[in-house]
Protein backbone atom coordinates (compact mmCIF):
# COMPACT_ATOMS: atom_id res chain seq x y z
CA MET A 1 11.14 -13.61 7.43
CA ALA A 2 8.62 -12.21 4.87
CA PHE A 3 8.11 -8.94 3.21
CA ILE A 4 4.31 -8.47 2.58
CA VAL A 5 2.82 -5.33 1.16
CA PHE A 6 -0.90 -4.37 1.35
CA GLU A 7 -2.46 -2.51 -1.53
CA GLY A 8 -5.87 -1.17 -2.63
CA ILE A 9 -7.78 1.96 -3.21
CA ASP A 10 -8.92 4.03 -0.14
CA GLY A 11 -11.29 2.38 2.09
CA SER A 12 -10.35 -1.10 1.09
CA GLY A 13 -9.57 -2.22 4.71
CA LYS A 14 -5.77 -2.46 4.69
CA SER A 15 -5.32 -1.14 8.15
CA THR A 16 -7.85 -3.67 9.63
CA LEU A 17 -6.40 -6.67 7.80
CA ILE A 18 -2.85 -5.60 8.93
CA GLN A 19 -3.92 -5.52 12.37
CA GLY A 20 -5.52 -8.99 12.21
CA LEU A 21 -2.28 -10.40 10.83
CA CYS A 22 -0.32 -8.72 13.63
CA GLU A 23 -2.32 -10.52 16.24
CA THR A 24 -1.67 -13.82 14.56
CA LEU A 25 2.02 -13.11 14.45
CA VAL A 26 2.03 -12.21 18.06
CA GLN A 27 0.40 -15.47 18.94
CA GLN A 28 3.02 -17.42 17.01
CA ASN A 29 5.89 -15.48 18.43
CA ILE A 30 7.00 -14.18 15.04
CA PRO A 31 8.87 -10.79 15.27
CA PHE A 32 7.42 -8.15 12.85
CA LYS A 33 7.53 -4.60 11.95
CA THR A 34 4.50 -2.56 10.54
CA THR A 35 5.14 0.45 8.44
CA ARG A 36 3.58 2.51 5.67
CA GLU A 37 4.15 4.58 2.59
CA PRO A 38 4.57 7.47 2.14
CA GLY A 39 6.17 7.60 5.51
CA GLY A 40 7.80 5.18 7.88
CA THR A 41 10.69 7.21 9.07
CA PRO A 42 10.58 10.91 10.44
CA LEU A 43 11.93 12.40 7.13
CA ALA A 44 9.57 10.17 5.10
CA GLU A 45 6.66 11.41 7.23
CA GLU A 46 7.50 14.97 6.51
CA ILE A 47 7.42 14.23 2.72
CA ARG A 48 3.90 12.50 3.40
CA SER A 49 2.71 15.74 4.78
CA LEU A 50 3.76 17.51 1.47
CA LEU A 51 2.06 14.90 -0.74
CA LEU A 52 -1.27 14.86 1.02
CA ARG A 53 -1.81 18.55 1.92
CA ILE A 54 -4.68 20.33 0.30
CA GLU A 55 -3.63 23.90 0.90
CA ASP A 56 -1.14 26.36 -0.67
CA GLU A 57 1.00 24.85 -3.44
CA VAL A 58 0.31 21.19 -4.25
CA PRO A 59 2.83 19.03 -6.01
CA HIS A 60 2.89 18.74 -9.87
CA PRO A 61 2.34 15.08 -10.96
CA ARG A 62 6.11 14.70 -11.74
CA THR A 63 7.03 16.36 -8.45
CA GLU A 64 4.64 13.91 -6.77
CA LEU A 65 6.22 11.08 -8.10
CA LEU A 66 9.77 12.06 -7.19
CA LEU A 67 8.67 12.93 -3.57
CA TYR A 68 7.28 9.38 -3.16
CA GLN A 69 10.41 8.00 -4.53
CA ALA A 70 12.53 10.08 -2.09
CA SER A 71 10.40 9.08 0.82
CA ARG A 72 10.71 5.38 -0.28
CA ALA A 73 14.56 5.44 -0.61
CA GLN A 74 14.67 6.70 2.98
CA HIS A 75 12.00 4.11 4.25
CA VAL A 76 13.78 1.08 2.52
CA GLU A 77 17.33 2.07 3.87
CA ASN A 78 16.37 3.05 7.31
CA VAL A 79 13.30 0.61 8.20
CA ILE A 80 12.40 -2.09 5.73
CA ARG A 81 15.84 -3.53 4.87
CA PRO A 82 17.35 -3.40 8.33
CA HIS A 83 14.41 -5.23 9.71
CA LEU A 84 14.49 -7.91 7.16
CA GLU A 85 18.17 -8.29 7.63
CA SER A 86 17.26 -8.94 11.29
CA GLY A 87 14.93 -11.64 10.48
CA ASP A 88 11.68 -9.79 11.15
CA TRP A 89 8.55 -9.82 8.95
CA VAL A 90 7.76 -6.49 7.51
CA LEU A 91 4.13 -5.44 6.85
CA CYS A 92 3.95 -2.48 4.61
CA ASP A 93 0.87 -0.43 3.89
CA ARG A 94 1.63 0.51 0.31
CA PHE A 95 4.86 0.18 -1.63
CA THR A 96 6.05 0.40 -5.38
CA SER A 97 2.89 -0.82 -6.81
CA SER A 98 1.11 2.22 -5.54
CA SER A 99 3.27 4.42 -7.54
CA LEU A 100 2.28 2.54 -10.59
CA ALA A 101 -1.27 2.58 -9.78
CA PHE A 102 -1.69 6.15 -8.73
CA GLN A 103 1.05 7.84 -10.94
CA ALA A 104 0.85 5.70 -14.02
CA GLY A 105 -2.74 4.65 -13.83
CA GLY A 106 -4.22 7.70 -12.19
CA ARG A 107 -1.88 10.45 -13.31
CA LYS A 108 -1.00 8.82 -16.67
CA LEU A 109 2.69 9.19 -16.31
CA ASN A 110 5.02 7.09 -18.14
CA GLU A 111 5.03 3.59 -16.58
CA GLU A 112 8.47 2.45 -17.63
CA LYS A 113 10.08 5.68 -15.95
CA ILE A 114 8.08 4.92 -12.87
CA ARG A 115 9.34 1.29 -12.81
CA GLN A 116 12.95 2.54 -13.23
CA LEU A 117 12.60 4.99 -10.39
CA ASN A 118 10.88 2.31 -8.25
CA ASP A 119 13.95 0.08 -8.77
CA TYR A 120 16.44 2.91 -8.05
CA ALA A 121 14.58 3.98 -5.00
CA THR A 122 14.36 0.35 -3.43
CA ASP A 123 17.91 -0.58 -4.74
CA GLY A 124 15.96 -3.59 -6.21
CA LEU A 125 14.15 -4.73 -3.14
CA SER A 126 10.83 -6.49 -3.79
CA PRO A 127 8.18 -7.91 -1.64
CA ASP A 128 7.67 -11.56 -1.00
CA LEU A 129 3.89 -11.17 -1.41
CA TRP A 130 1.57 -8.24 -2.62
CA VAL A 131 -1.84 -8.56 -1.09
CA LEU A 132 -4.55 -6.41 -3.00
CA LEU A 133 -7.84 -5.71 -1.43
CA ASP A 134 -9.92 -5.15 -4.36
CA LEU A 135 -12.88 -2.85 -3.99
CA THR A 136 -15.28 -1.06 -6.29
CA VAL A 137 -14.91 2.76 -6.38
CA GLU A 138 -18.53 3.10 -5.46
CA GLU A 139 -18.02 1.19 -2.41
CA SER A 140 -14.81 2.89 -1.55
CA GLU A 141 -16.46 6.23 -1.66
CA LYS A 142 -19.27 5.04 0.72
CA ARG A 143 -16.68 3.90 3.07
CA ARG A 144 -14.58 6.88 2.92
CA GLN A 145 -17.69 9.22 3.36
CA HIS A 146 -18.66 7.29 6.39
CA ARG A 147 -15.08 7.62 7.74
CA THR A 148 -15.24 11.39 7.28
CA ASP A 149 -18.66 11.60 8.79
CA SER A 150 -17.77 9.50 11.82
CA GLY A 151 -14.34 10.64 12.42
CA GLY A 152 -14.62 14.40 11.50
CA LEU A 153 -11.40 13.98 9.35
CA ASP A 154 -11.18 15.92 6.10
CA ALA A 155 -10.25 13.97 2.85
CA ASP A 156 -6.83 14.36 1.79
CA ARG A 157 -5.79 15.47 -1.75
CA PHE A 158 -5.94 11.87 -3.24
CA GLU A 159 -9.28 11.20 -1.57
CA ARG A 160 -10.71 14.24 -3.14
CA GLU A 161 -9.77 13.07 -6.72
CA ARG A 162 -12.57 12.35 -9.14
CA PHE A 163 -14.33 8.94 -9.60
CA GLU A 164 -12.46 8.22 -13.00
CA PHE A 165 -9.12 8.86 -11.26
CA HIS A 166 -9.88 6.00 -8.56
CA GLN A 167 -11.27 3.83 -11.34
CA SER A 168 -8.03 4.06 -13.22
CA VAL A 169 -6.05 3.25 -10.15
CA ARG A 170 -8.04 0.17 -9.40
CA ASN A 171 -7.72 -0.98 -12.97
CA HIS A 172 -3.98 -0.62 -12.75
CA TYR A 173 -3.79 -2.52 -9.50
CA LEU A 174 -5.64 -5.40 -11.28
CA LYS A 175 -3.51 -5.18 -14.31
CA GLN A 176 -0.45 -5.51 -12.14
CA ALA A 177 -1.86 -8.49 -10.24
CA SER A 178 -2.83 -10.26 -13.37
CA SER A 179 0.75 -9.92 -14.82
CA GLU A 180 2.26 -11.61 -11.88
CA PRO A 181 -0.23 -13.89 -10.29
CA GLU A 182 2.28 -15.94 -8.40
CA LYS A 183 3.31 -12.90 -6.26
CA TRP A 184 -0.23 -11.35 -5.86
CA LEU A 185 -3.16 -12.43 -3.62
CA VAL A 186 -6.23 -10.60 -4.62
CA ILE A 187 -9.03 -10.69 -2.01
CA ASP A 188 -12.44 -9.31 -2.45
CA ALA A 189 -12.51 -6.41 0.03
CA SER A 190 -16.34 -6.27 0.11
CA HIS A 191 -16.42 -9.38 2.30
CA PRO A 192 -16.38 -9.08 6.20
CA PRO A 193 -13.05 -8.33 7.68
CA ALA A 194 -12.93 -11.75 9.38
CA GLN A 195 -13.43 -13.57 6.10
CA VAL A 196 -10.75 -11.39 4.45
CA LEU A 197 -8.29 -12.24 7.20
CA ALA A 198 -9.12 -15.95 7.04
CA GLN A 199 -8.22 -15.91 3.24
CA LEU A 200 -5.03 -14.23 3.88
CA LEU A 201 -4.01 -16.60 6.72
CA SER A 202 -5.08 -19.69 4.58
CA THR A 203 -2.68 -18.43 1.86
CA LEU A 204 0.28 -17.85 4.31
CA LYS A 205 -0.13 -21.30 5.72
CA GLU A 206 -0.29 -22.75 2.28
CA LYS A 207 3.04 -21.09 1.59
CA GLY A 208 4.47 -22.50 4.79
CA TRP A 209 4.97 -19.23 6.47
CA LEU A 210 2.55 -19.89 9.33
CA SER A 211 1.63 -22.82 11.25
């Protein structure tokens, strides 16, 4: 059993890396659950749509924070904790560190209050490993633009934020990783996906989680 969270600014390659790890887990007959935040349950997905919408009334930063926490509490109790208790690996695209990076780093809300809300929403649950895919904001913008151009998808509310916002988010992620290096794996996301996956798998083997 392992609870691994994947973090990074938009376009860093989290989905690709998670898919690569899933293929390895299947090969080694390890049961797992993939999920994401905000979202992961029907109710939490409804909250996600409120958080990301770009029309009509949009959430105030404090409202945004509380919506994230409501989604998270539902997600932890209905998906993450049950799967962990069943012995499954849980691979989650974003978790509590996103609230710190986006709402404390990006929105400049009080970090201590966010930590308290994170703890309440999760009932103290913490990942075994955080994987930070670190990417410059410049490269992130190039990848997001390519994704928009090729897929025809409109940027969501967070993707439309200014450069300085995303730089603050990235800086806060790096701050978190440096404060607990034993719990964070920081990978240069500018490298090819195969190289990024190889670095992750090497770390998991060193920890004895994979053969």
